[in-house]
C-alpha atoms as a PDB file:
ATOM      1  CA  MET A   1      70.633 -93.141  34.334  1.00  0.00           C
ATOM      2  CA  ASN A   2      69.677 -90.680  36.499  1.00  0.00           C
ATOM      3  CA  THR A   3      66.423 -89.767  37.834  1.00  0.00           C
ATOM      4  CA  LYS A   4      65.268 -87.049  35.302  1.00  0.00           C
ATOM      5  CA  LYS A   5      66.250 -89.179  32.284  1.00  0.00           C
ATOM      6  CA  LEU A   6      64.439 -91.938  33.707  1.00  0.00           C
ATOM      7  CA  LEU A   7      61.173 -89.909  34.457  1.00  0.00           C
ATOM      8  CA  VAL A   8      61.435 -88.588  30.668  1.00  0.00           C
ATOM      9  CA  VAL A   9      61.560 -92.231  29.354  1.00  0.00           C
ATOM     10  CA  ILE A  10      58.505 -93.366  31.623  1.00  0.00           C
ATOM     11  CA  ALA A  11      56.690 -90.139  30.548  1.00  0.00           C
ATOM     12  CA  VAL A  12      57.087 -90.873  26.821  1.00  0.00           C
ATOM     13  CA  ILE A  13      56.066 -94.555  26.978  1.00  0.00           C
ATOM     14  CA  ALA A  14      53.075 -93.602  29.358  1.00  0.00           C
ATOM     15  CA  GLY A  15      52.241 -90.560  26.826  1.00  0.00           C
ATOM     16  CA  PHE A  16      52.063 -92.705  23.911  1.00  0.00           C
ATOM     17  CA  ALA A  17      50.287 -95.811  25.639  1.00  0.00           C
ATOM     18  CA  SER A  18      47.913 -93.030  26.827  1.00  0.00           C
ATOM     19  CA  ILE A  19      47.100 -91.977  22.888  1.00  0.00           C
ATOM     20  CA  GLY A  20      46.998 -95.754  21.973  1.00  0.00           C
ATOM     21  CA  MET A  21      44.231 -96.049  24.788  1.00  0.00           C
ATOM     22  CA  ALA A  22      42.415 -93.302  23.183  1.00  0.00           C
ATOM     23  CA  VAL A  23      41.915 -94.598  19.905  1.00  0.00           C
ATOM     24  CA  TYR A  24      41.037 -97.998  21.471  1.00  0.00           C
ATOM     25  CA  TYR A  25      38.409 -95.968  22.977  1.00  0.00           C
ATOM     26  CA  TRP A  26      37.113 -94.406  20.036  1.00  0.00           C
ATOM     27  CA  ILE A  27      37.189 -97.647  18.040  1.00  0.00           C
ATOM     28  CA  THR A  28      35.806 -99.853  20.084  1.00  0.00           C
ATOM     29  CA  PRO A  29      31.912 -99.763  21.497  1.00  0.00           C
ATOM     30  CA  ALA A  30      31.656 -99.891  25.150  1.00  0.00           C
ATOM     31  CA  ASP A  31      29.991-103.390  25.475  1.00  0.00           C
ATOM     32  CA  MET A  32      33.424-104.789  23.605  1.00  0.00           C
ATOM     33  CA  LEU A  33      35.869-103.327  25.920  1.00  0.00           C
ATOM     34  CA  PRO A  34      37.401-105.830  28.579  1.00  0.00           C
ATOM     35  CA  VAL A  35      35.630-105.528  32.159  1.00  0.00           C
ATOM     36  CA  TYR A  36      38.852-104.246  33.852  1.00  0.00           C
ATOM     37  CA  ILE A  37      39.023-101.201  31.605  1.00  0.00           C
ATOM     38  CA  PRO A  38      37.361 -97.874  32.700  1.00  0.00           C
ATOM     39  CA  GLY A  39      34.351 -97.321  30.731  1.00  0.00           C
ATOM     40  CA  TYR A  40      33.089-101.032  30.191  1.00  0.00           C
ATOM     41  CA  ALA A  41      29.205-100.800  29.845  1.00  0.00           C
ATOM     42  CA  ALA A  42      27.166-103.933  28.934  1.00  0.00           C
ATOM     43  CA  ALA A  43      24.190-101.983  27.454  1.00  0.00           C
ATOM     44  CA  ARG A  44      25.954 -99.242  25.604  1.00  0.00           C
ATOM     45  CA  MET A  45      26.880 -99.832  21.915  1.00  0.00           C
ATOM     46  CA  THR A  46      28.960 -96.906  21.227  1.00  0.00           C
ATOM     47  CA  PRO A  47      32.352 -95.621  21.589  1.00  0.00           C
ATOM     48  CA  HIS A  48      33.481 -93.688  24.948  1.00  0.00           C
ATOM     49  CA  VAL A  49      34.343 -90.474  23.075  1.00  0.00           C
ATOM     50  CA  LYS A  50      34.512 -88.682  26.585  1.00  0.00           C
ATOM     51  CA  HIS A  51      37.042 -91.292  27.546  1.00  0.00           C
ATOM     52  CA  GLY A  52      38.988 -91.072  24.434  1.00  0.00           C
ATOM     53  CA  ILE A  53      39.302 -87.294  24.484  1.00  0.00           C
ATOM     54  CA  ALA A  54      40.573 -87.511  28.199  1.00  0.00           C
ATOM     55  CA  ALA A  55      43.060 -90.394  27.111  1.00  0.00           C
ATOM     56  CA  LEU A  56      44.373 -88.139  24.377  1.00  0.00           C
ATOM     57  CA  VAL A  57      44.637 -84.867  26.761  1.00  0.00           C
ATOM     58  CA  VAL A  58      46.751 -86.859  29.195  1.00  0.00           C
ATOM     59  CA  GLY A  59      48.674 -88.217  26.527  1.00  0.00           C
ATOM     60  CA  LEU A  60      49.592 -85.092  25.095  1.00  0.00           C
ATOM     61  CA  GLY A  61      50.482 -83.797  28.399  1.00  0.00           C
ATOM     62  CA  LEU A  62      52.892 -86.553  29.308  1.00  0.00           C
ATOM     63  CA  LEU A  63      54.703 -85.993  25.873  1.00  0.00           C
ATOM     64  CA  ILE A  64      54.755 -81.893  26.391  1.00  0.00           C
ATOM     65  CA  TYR A  65      56.360 -82.904  30.073  1.00  0.00           C
ATOM     66  CA  ALA A  66      58.735 -85.084  28.657  1.00  0.00           C
ATOM     67  CA  TRP A  67      59.684 -82.643  25.558  1.00  0.00           C
ATOM     68  CA  PHE A  68      60.501 -79.818  28.276  1.00  0.00           C
ATOM     69  CA  ALA A  69      62.070 -81.845  30.753  1.00  0.00           C
ATOM     70  CA  SER A  70      64.515 -83.249  28.222  1.00  0.00           C
ATOM     71  CA  GLY A  71      65.676 -80.008  27.246  1.00  0.00           C
ATOM     72  CA  LYS A  72      68.938 -77.987  28.045  1.00  0.00           C
ATOM     73  CA  LYS A  73      69.171 -76.068  30.950  1.00  0.00           C
ATOM     74  CA  LYS A  74      70.417 -72.488  30.672  1.00  0.00           C
END
């Protein structure tokens, strides 16, 4: 497998993982997040909407990169 294909595969996996993390941020209150995940706050009972939006943007950016990188060269 060449380097370009490997980068596309990694970008797709990381993109879907990031989108999954966005959903996790939206449905889980901040005090229920594991301590090792950014955004944990023991006193906060609401979900981290901004963290979820950021994770969604990163995930979509990675998937867009993978889409364009996997296209055919002219």
